[in-house]
Amino acid sequence: MIERALIHVAGPARSGKTAFIEAMLTGSDALVIAARCVRDDTLRQFRETTPGSHPELRRYREAGAIGAALLTFPGDADLSDSFFTTDVMMDYSKAVVLEGDSPLRFVDLRVFVAPPPAEGHQLFVRCTHERGREHRPCAATAPAGRHG
């Protein structure tokens, strides 16, 4: 039995999902399989392809993935058996990274890659507060002679 981590990376188009996976693959010595997953409700069964010209698959391979595949699947069924019996999943690995739609209900880690903020906006804003002002009303309600 192969035991490995299953990681699902989701997010809107052009948010940096593939770049995130590239950084993860480049920074790891582990044997990792990467798959681009696309839900297509017009299909009747799970489909696996490995086109050499597919941009995400090429980027996965160049970043160090030991295997890469395009997995297309219908969304109306439990696809665990179909997923785990694909050619790419038959290879040994320590982890599998799934980008896009997930064919699995359960994974070990879900990552959501948010798009960068619009020009002139910030994702994080530093705010400072004076602690003395925040706590003064609480000190005024303490019983006389008892300070804590």
N, C-alpha and C. Protein backbone atom coordinates (compact mmCIF):
# COMPACT_ATOMS: atom_id res chain seq x y z
N MET A 1 0.84 -1.18 0.00
CA MET A 1 0.00 0.00 0.00
C MET A 1 0.88 1.24 0.00
N ILE A 2 0.57 2.18 -0.85
CA ILE A 2 1.31 3.43 -0.93
C ILE A 2 0.63 4.44 0.00
N GLU A 3 1.41 4.99 0.92
CA GLU A 3 0.88 6.02 1.82
C GLU A 3 1.48 7.36 1.42
N ARG A 4 0.63 8.32 1.10
CA ARG A 4 1.11 9.63 0.65
C ARG A 4 0.11 10.72 0.99
N ALA A 5 0.62 11.93 1.05
CA ALA A 5 -0.23 13.08 1.35
C ALA A 5 -0.95 13.52 0.07
N LEU A 6 -2.22 13.85 0.21
CA LEU A 6 -3.02 14.38 -0.89
C LEU A 6 -3.31 15.85 -0.62
N ILE A 7 -2.87 16.72 -1.54
CA ILE A 7 -2.98 18.17 -1.35
C ILE A 7 -3.80 18.74 -2.51
N HIS A 8 -4.87 19.44 -2.18
CA HIS A 8 -5.71 20.06 -3.20
C HIS A 8 -5.48 21.57 -3.18
N VAL A 9 -5.10 22.14 -4.34
CA VAL A 9 -4.84 23.57 -4.46
C VAL A 9 -5.94 24.17 -5.35
N ALA A 10 -6.74 25.06 -4.79
CA ALA A 10 -7.85 25.68 -5.50
C ALA A 10 -7.72 27.19 -5.48
N GLY A 11 -8.52 27.84 -6.30
CA GLY A 11 -8.54 29.29 -6.35
C GLY A 11 -9.03 29.74 -7.72
N PRO A 12 -9.35 31.01 -7.86
CA PRO A 12 -9.85 31.50 -9.15
C PRO A 12 -8.75 31.49 -10.22
N ALA A 13 -9.16 31.59 -11.47
CA ALA A 13 -8.22 31.63 -12.59
C ALA A 13 -7.23 32.78 -12.40
N ARG A 14 -6.00 32.53 -12.74
CA ARG A 14 -4.92 33.54 -12.71
C ARG A 14 -4.59 34.03 -11.31
N SER A 15 -4.88 33.24 -10.29
CA SER A 15 -4.56 33.64 -8.92
C SER A 15 -3.16 33.21 -8.50
N GLY A 16 -2.53 32.31 -9.25
CA GLY A 16 -1.18 31.87 -8.91
C GLY A 16 -1.10 30.44 -8.39
N LYS A 17 -2.10 29.63 -8.69
CA LYS A 17 -2.11 28.23 -8.21
C LYS A 17 -0.91 27.46 -8.74
N THR A 18 -0.66 27.55 -10.05
CA THR A 18 0.45 26.80 -10.64
C THR A 18 1.78 27.33 -10.12
N ALA A 19 1.91 28.63 -9.95
CA ALA A 19 3.14 29.21 -9.39
C ALA A 19 3.36 28.71 -7.96
N PHE A 20 2.30 28.61 -7.19
CA PHE A 20 2.39 28.08 -5.82
C PHE A 20 2.90 26.63 -5.86
N ILE A 21 2.34 25.83 -6.76
CA ILE A 21 2.74 24.42 -6.87
C ILE A 21 4.19 24.32 -7.34
N GLU A 22 4.59 25.17 -8.29
CA GLU A 22 5.99 25.18 -8.74
C GLU A 22 6.93 25.46 -7.58
N ALA A 23 6.61 26.44 -6.77
CA ALA A 23 7.45 26.78 -5.61
C ALA A 23 7.51 25.61 -4.63
N MET A 24 6.39 24.96 -4.43
CA MET A 24 6.34 23.82 -3.52
C MET A 24 7.20 22.67 -4.05
N LEU A 25 7.10 22.38 -5.36
CA LEU A 25 7.87 21.31 -5.97
C LEU A 25 9.37 21.62 -5.96
N THR A 26 9.71 22.85 -6.29
CA THR A 26 11.11 23.26 -6.34
C THR A 26 11.76 23.19 -4.96
N GLY A 27 11.01 23.52 -3.94
CA GLY A 27 11.54 23.56 -2.58
C GLY A 27 11.50 22.23 -1.84
N SER A 28 11.15 21.15 -2.53
CA SER A 28 11.00 19.86 -1.86
C SER A 28 11.87 18.80 -2.52
N ASP A 29 12.42 17.92 -1.68
CA ASP A 29 13.17 16.77 -2.19
C ASP A 29 12.28 15.54 -2.30
N ALA A 30 11.04 15.66 -1.86
CA ALA A 30 10.12 14.51 -1.86
C ALA A 30 9.69 14.16 -3.28
N LEU A 31 9.32 12.92 -3.47
CA LEU A 31 8.77 12.46 -4.74
C LEU A 31 7.31 12.87 -4.80
N VAL A 32 6.98 13.78 -5.72
CA VAL A 32 5.63 14.36 -5.78
C VAL A 32 5.06 14.20 -7.18
N ILE A 33 3.81 13.79 -7.24
CA ILE A 33 3.03 13.73 -8.47
C ILE A 33 2.12 14.95 -8.48
N ALA A 34 1.95 15.57 -9.66
CA ALA A 34 1.07 16.72 -9.78
C ALA A 34 0.05 16.47 -10.88
N ALA A 35 -1.19 16.90 -10.65
CA ALA A 35 -2.24 16.71 -11.63
C ALA A 35 -3.09 17.96 -11.75
N ARG A 36 -3.41 18.31 -12.97
CA ARG A 36 -4.37 19.38 -13.25
C ARG A 36 -5.72 18.69 -13.37
N CYS A 37 -6.68 19.09 -12.58
CA CYS A 37 -7.98 18.41 -12.51
C CYS A 37 -9.09 19.34 -12.99
N VAL A 38 -9.92 18.82 -13.89
CA VAL A 38 -10.99 19.62 -14.47
C VAL A 38 -12.29 18.82 -14.42
N ARG A 39 -13.30 19.41 -13.80
CA ARG A 39 -14.63 18.80 -13.77
C ARG A 39 -15.34 19.12 -15.08
N ASP A 40 -15.90 18.08 -15.70
CA ASP A 40 -16.64 18.24 -16.95
C ASP A 40 -17.87 17.35 -16.86
N ASP A 41 -19.02 17.94 -16.60
CA ASP A 41 -20.25 17.18 -16.40
C ASP A 41 -20.81 16.56 -17.68
N THR A 42 -20.19 16.84 -18.82
CA THR A 42 -20.62 16.19 -20.06
C THR A 42 -20.00 14.80 -20.20
N LEU A 43 -19.00 14.49 -19.40
CA LEU A 43 -18.35 13.18 -19.46
C LEU A 43 -19.15 12.13 -18.71
N ARG A 44 -18.98 10.89 -19.12
CA ARG A 44 -19.62 9.77 -18.41
C ARG A 44 -18.64 9.07 -17.48
N GLN A 45 -17.33 9.19 -17.78
CA GLN A 45 -16.34 8.51 -16.95
C GLN A 45 -15.07 9.33 -16.81
N PHE A 46 -14.26 8.94 -15.87
CA PHE A 46 -12.99 9.57 -15.56
C PHE A 46 -12.05 9.45 -16.76
N ARG A 47 -11.28 10.50 -17.05
CA ARG A 47 -10.34 10.46 -18.17
C ARG A 47 -8.98 11.00 -17.73
N GLU A 48 -7.92 10.28 -18.07
CA GLU A 48 -6.55 10.68 -17.77
C GLU A 48 -5.78 10.84 -19.07
N THR A 49 -5.11 11.99 -19.23
CA THR A 49 -4.23 12.21 -20.37
C THR A 49 -2.94 12.84 -19.88
N THR A 50 -1.90 12.75 -20.70
CA THR A 50 -0.61 13.33 -20.33
C THR A 50 -0.03 14.10 -21.51
N PRO A 51 -0.74 15.10 -22.02
CA PRO A 51 -0.24 15.85 -23.18
C PRO A 51 1.04 16.62 -22.85
N GLY A 52 2.07 16.42 -23.66
CA GLY A 52 3.34 17.09 -23.42
C GLY A 52 3.28 18.59 -23.60
N SER A 53 2.31 19.07 -24.38
CA SER A 53 2.22 20.50 -24.65
C SER A 53 1.34 21.26 -23.65
N HIS A 54 0.72 20.55 -22.71
CA HIS A 54 -0.17 21.21 -21.75
C HIS A 54 0.68 22.12 -20.84
N PRO A 55 0.35 23.43 -20.76
CA PRO A 55 1.23 24.37 -20.04
C PRO A 55 1.44 24.04 -18.56
N GLU A 56 0.37 23.70 -17.83
CA GLU A 56 0.55 23.40 -16.40
C GLU A 56 1.36 22.12 -16.20
N LEU A 57 1.08 21.09 -17.00
CA LEU A 57 1.82 19.84 -16.85
C LEU A 57 3.30 20.04 -17.13
N ARG A 58 3.61 20.83 -18.15
CA ARG A 58 5.01 21.15 -18.46
C ARG A 58 5.68 21.87 -17.28
N ARG A 59 4.97 22.82 -16.70
CA ARG A 59 5.53 23.55 -15.56
C ARG A 59 5.74 22.64 -14.36
N TYR A 60 4.81 21.71 -14.10
CA TYR A 60 4.98 20.75 -13.01
C TYR A 60 6.25 19.93 -13.21
N ARG A 61 6.42 19.40 -14.44
CA ARG A 61 7.58 18.54 -14.73
C ARG A 61 8.88 19.33 -14.58
N GLU A 62 8.91 20.55 -15.10
CA GLU A 62 10.11 21.38 -15.02
C GLU A 62 10.46 21.74 -13.58
N ALA A 63 9.46 21.83 -12.72
CA ALA A 63 9.68 22.17 -11.30
C ALA A 63 10.09 20.95 -10.48
N GLY A 64 9.98 19.74 -11.05
CA GLY A 64 10.45 18.57 -10.34
C GLY A 64 9.44 17.48 -10.04
N ALA A 65 8.22 17.60 -10.55
CA ALA A 65 7.23 16.54 -10.32
C ALA A 65 7.71 15.27 -11.02
N ILE A 66 7.57 14.13 -10.36
CA ILE A 66 7.99 12.86 -10.96
C ILE A 66 6.94 12.32 -11.93
N GLY A 67 5.73 12.84 -11.84
CA GLY A 67 4.65 12.45 -12.74
C GLY A 67 3.67 13.59 -12.84
N ALA A 68 3.04 13.72 -14.00
CA ALA A 68 2.06 14.78 -14.20
C ALA A 68 0.99 14.29 -15.16
N ALA A 69 -0.26 14.65 -14.88
CA ALA A 69 -1.36 14.22 -15.72
C ALA A 69 -2.48 15.24 -15.69
N LEU A 70 -3.28 15.21 -16.73
CA LEU A 70 -4.51 15.99 -16.80
C LEU A 70 -5.64 15.02 -16.51
N LEU A 71 -6.39 15.28 -15.45
CA LEU A 71 -7.49 14.41 -15.04
C LEU A 71 -8.80 15.16 -15.26
N THR A 72 -9.65 14.61 -16.11
CA THR A 72 -10.95 15.21 -16.40
C THR A 72 -12.01 14.23 -15.93
N PHE A 73 -13.04 14.74 -15.27
CA PHE A 73 -13.99 13.83 -14.63
C PHE A 73 -15.38 14.45 -14.53
N PRO A 74 -16.41 13.58 -14.51
CA PRO A 74 -17.77 14.07 -14.25
C PRO A 74 -17.92 14.35 -12.77
N GLY A 75 -18.82 15.24 -12.42
CA GLY A 75 -18.94 15.64 -11.02
C GLY A 75 -20.05 14.99 -10.25
N ASP A 76 -20.70 13.98 -10.79
CA ASP A 76 -21.89 13.46 -10.12
C ASP A 76 -21.69 12.12 -9.41
N ALA A 77 -20.44 11.71 -9.20
CA ALA A 77 -20.23 10.39 -8.59
C ALA A 77 -19.01 10.42 -7.67
N ASP A 78 -18.89 9.38 -6.84
CA ASP A 78 -17.69 9.21 -6.03
C ASP A 78 -16.61 8.65 -6.94
N LEU A 79 -15.54 9.38 -7.12
CA LEU A 79 -14.52 9.03 -8.10
C LEU A 79 -13.24 8.47 -7.49
N SER A 80 -13.28 8.10 -6.22
CA SER A 80 -12.07 7.62 -5.56
C SER A 80 -11.45 6.44 -6.28
N ASP A 81 -12.24 5.43 -6.63
CA ASP A 81 -11.70 4.26 -7.31
C ASP A 81 -11.09 4.64 -8.66
N SER A 82 -11.78 5.45 -9.43
CA SER A 82 -11.26 5.87 -10.74
C SER A 82 -9.97 6.67 -10.59
N PHE A 83 -9.92 7.53 -9.60
CA PHE A 83 -8.74 8.36 -9.37
C PHE A 83 -7.54 7.50 -8.99
N PHE A 84 -7.71 6.63 -8.01
CA PHE A 84 -6.57 5.87 -7.50
C PHE A 84 -6.10 4.77 -8.45
N THR A 85 -6.85 4.46 -9.50
CA THR A 85 -6.41 3.45 -10.46
C THR A 85 -5.90 4.06 -11.76
N THR A 86 -5.69 5.38 -11.80
CA THR A 86 -5.10 6.01 -12.99
C THR A 86 -3.64 5.61 -13.09
N ASP A 87 -3.07 5.71 -14.29
CA ASP A 87 -1.66 5.37 -14.50
C ASP A 87 -0.74 6.23 -13.63
N VAL A 88 -1.02 7.53 -13.57
CA VAL A 88 -0.16 8.42 -12.80
C VAL A 88 -0.18 8.06 -11.31
N MET A 89 -1.32 7.63 -10.79
CA MET A 89 -1.41 7.28 -9.37
C MET A 89 -0.80 5.91 -9.06
N MET A 90 -0.51 5.13 -10.07
CA MET A 90 0.14 3.84 -9.85
C MET A 90 1.63 4.00 -9.56
N ASP A 91 2.19 5.16 -9.89
CA ASP A 91 3.59 5.42 -9.58
C ASP A 91 3.76 5.72 -8.10
N TYR A 92 4.92 5.38 -7.57
CA TYR A 92 5.22 5.65 -6.17
C TYR A 92 5.47 7.15 -5.99
N SER A 93 4.97 7.70 -4.90
CA SER A 93 5.24 9.09 -4.54
C SER A 93 4.98 9.27 -3.06
N LYS A 94 5.51 10.35 -2.53
CA LYS A 94 5.26 10.72 -1.13
C LYS A 94 4.09 11.68 -1.01
N ALA A 95 3.76 12.37 -2.12
CA ALA A 95 2.66 13.33 -2.10
C ALA A 95 2.06 13.47 -3.50
N VAL A 96 0.81 13.89 -3.54
CA VAL A 96 0.10 14.17 -4.79
C VAL A 96 -0.53 15.54 -4.63
N VAL A 97 -0.27 16.41 -5.61
CA VAL A 97 -0.83 17.75 -5.60
C VAL A 97 -1.87 17.82 -6.72
N LEU A 98 -3.08 18.21 -6.37
CA LEU A 98 -4.18 18.33 -7.33
C LEU A 98 -4.51 19.81 -7.49
N GLU A 99 -4.41 20.32 -8.71
CA GLU A 99 -4.73 21.72 -8.95
C GLU A 99 -6.07 21.82 -9.66
N GLY A 100 -6.89 22.77 -9.23
CA GLY A 100 -8.18 23.00 -9.88
C GLY A 100 -9.31 22.33 -9.14
N ASP A 101 -10.19 21.68 -9.88
CA ASP A 101 -11.31 20.96 -9.28
C ASP A 101 -10.78 19.69 -8.64
N SER A 102 -11.41 19.23 -7.60
CA SER A 102 -10.94 18.01 -6.95
C SER A 102 -11.87 16.83 -7.25
N PRO A 103 -11.30 15.72 -7.71
CA PRO A 103 -12.12 14.52 -7.92
C PRO A 103 -12.37 13.75 -6.63
N LEU A 104 -11.78 14.21 -5.53
CA LEU A 104 -11.88 13.51 -4.25
C LEU A 104 -12.66 14.33 -3.24
N ARG A 105 -13.41 13.64 -2.42
CA ARG A 105 -14.14 14.33 -1.35
C ARG A 105 -13.22 14.64 -0.17
N PHE A 106 -12.25 13.78 0.05
CA PHE A 106 -11.37 13.94 1.20
C PHE A 106 -9.92 14.01 0.75
N VAL A 107 -9.20 15.00 1.25
CA VAL A 107 -7.77 15.14 1.02
C VAL A 107 -7.13 15.49 2.36
N ASP A 108 -5.82 15.42 2.42
CA ASP A 108 -5.12 15.73 3.67
C ASP A 108 -5.00 17.23 3.93
N LEU A 109 -4.88 18.01 2.85
CA LEU A 109 -4.71 19.45 2.99
C LEU A 109 -5.38 20.15 1.82
N ARG A 110 -6.17 21.18 2.13
CA ARG A 110 -6.76 22.03 1.08
C ARG A 110 -6.13 23.41 1.18
N VAL A 111 -5.68 23.91 0.03
CA VAL A 111 -5.04 25.22 -0.04
C VAL A 111 -5.86 26.08 -0.99
N PHE A 112 -6.19 27.29 -0.58
CA PHE A 112 -6.88 28.23 -1.46
C PHE A 112 -5.92 29.36 -1.76
N VAL A 113 -5.63 29.57 -3.04
CA VAL A 113 -4.73 30.65 -3.46
C VAL A 113 -5.60 31.82 -3.88
N ALA A 114 -5.49 32.91 -3.14
CA ALA A 114 -6.29 34.11 -3.42
C ALA A 114 -5.59 34.96 -4.47
N PRO A 115 -6.35 35.64 -5.30
CA PRO A 115 -5.73 36.52 -6.29
C PRO A 115 -5.07 37.71 -5.59
N PRO A 116 -4.07 38.31 -6.22
CA PRO A 116 -3.45 39.49 -5.60
C PRO A 116 -4.46 40.63 -5.53
N PRO A 117 -4.30 41.50 -4.55
CA PRO A 117 -5.23 42.63 -4.44
C PRO A 117 -5.11 43.58 -5.65
N ALA A 118 -6.16 44.29 -5.92
CA ALA A 118 -6.17 45.26 -7.03
C ALA A 118 -5.15 46.35 -6.77
N GLU A 119 -4.74 47.00 -7.83
CA GLU A 119 -3.77 48.10 -7.74
C GLU A 119 -4.24 49.13 -6.71
N GLY A 120 -3.34 49.49 -5.82
CA GLY A 120 -3.66 50.48 -4.79
C GLY A 120 -4.29 49.90 -3.53
N HIS A 121 -4.58 48.60 -3.50
CA HIS A 121 -5.15 47.95 -2.33
C HIS A 121 -4.11 47.03 -1.70
N GLN A 122 -4.29 46.74 -0.41
CA GLN A 122 -3.37 45.86 0.31
C GLN A 122 -4.14 44.70 0.90
N LEU A 123 -3.47 43.54 0.94
CA LEU A 123 -4.08 42.38 1.56
C LEU A 123 -4.05 42.51 3.08
N PHE A 124 -2.94 42.99 3.62
CA PHE A 124 -2.81 43.19 5.06
C PHE A 124 -2.56 44.66 5.34
N VAL A 125 -3.17 45.16 6.39
CA VAL A 125 -2.98 46.54 6.79
C VAL A 125 -2.57 46.55 8.26
N ARG A 126 -1.46 47.21 8.56
CA ARG A 126 -0.99 47.28 9.94
C ARG A 126 -1.75 48.38 10.67
N CYS A 127 -2.34 48.01 11.80
CA CYS A 127 -3.06 48.97 12.66
C CYS A 127 -2.42 48.94 14.03
N THR A 128 -2.32 50.08 14.65
CA THR A 128 -1.80 50.12 16.02
C THR A 128 -2.88 50.69 16.92
N HIS A 129 -2.93 50.16 18.12
CA HIS A 129 -3.90 50.61 19.11
C HIS A 129 -3.14 50.89 20.41
N GLU A 130 -3.58 51.91 21.12
CA GLU A 130 -2.99 52.19 22.42
C GLU A 130 -3.64 51.27 23.43
N ARG A 131 -2.85 50.40 24.02
CA ARG A 131 -3.40 49.43 24.96
C ARG A 131 -3.98 50.10 26.20
N GLY A 132 -3.41 51.18 26.66
CA GLY A 132 -3.90 51.85 27.85
C GLY A 132 -5.33 52.32 27.69
N ARG A 133 -5.66 52.82 26.55
CA ARG A 133 -7.02 53.30 26.31
C ARG A 133 -8.02 52.16 26.22
N GLU A 134 -7.58 51.03 25.69
CA GLU A 134 -8.48 49.89 25.56
C GLU A 134 -8.83 49.29 26.91
N HIS A 135 -7.91 49.33 27.87
CA HIS A 135 -8.11 48.64 29.14
C HIS A 135 -8.59 49.57 30.27
N ARG A 136 -8.60 50.86 30.08
CA ARG A 136 -9.01 51.77 31.13
C ARG A 136 -10.43 51.54 31.62
N PRO A 137 -11.41 51.33 30.74
CA PRO A 137 -12.77 51.10 31.26
C PRO A 137 -12.84 49.86 32.16
N CYS A 138 -12.05 48.84 31.87
CA CYS A 138 -12.08 47.63 32.69
C CYS A 138 -11.51 47.92 34.07
N ALA A 139 -10.44 48.72 34.14
CA ALA A 139 -9.82 49.02 35.44
C ALA A 139 -10.76 49.84 36.30
N ALA A 140 -11.57 50.68 35.71
CA ALA A 140 -12.50 51.53 36.46
C ALA A 140 -13.60 50.70 37.13
N THR A 141 -13.87 49.51 36.63
CA THR A 141 -14.93 48.70 37.21
C THR A 141 -14.42 47.75 38.28
N ALA A 142 -13.09 47.68 38.49
CA ALA A 142 -12.55 46.79 39.51
C ALA A 142 -12.86 47.36 40.90
N PRO A 143 -13.08 46.51 41.92
CA PRO A 143 -13.35 47.00 43.26
C PRO A 143 -12.18 47.81 43.81
N ALA A 144 -12.47 48.80 44.60
CA ALA A 144 -11.43 49.65 45.19
C ALA A 144 -10.46 48.84 46.00
N GLY A 145 -9.18 49.18 45.89
CA GLY A 145 -8.16 48.49 46.67
C GLY A 145 -7.67 47.20 46.04
N ARG A 146 -8.29 46.77 44.98
CA ARG A 146 -7.86 45.52 44.33
C ARG A 146 -7.44 45.85 42.90
N HIS A 147 -6.20 45.69 42.62
CA HIS A 147 -5.67 45.92 41.26
C HIS A 147 -5.02 44.65 40.80
N GLY A 148 -5.26 44.30 39.55
CA GLY A 148 -4.86 43.04 39.16
C GLY A 148 -3.91 42.70 38.22
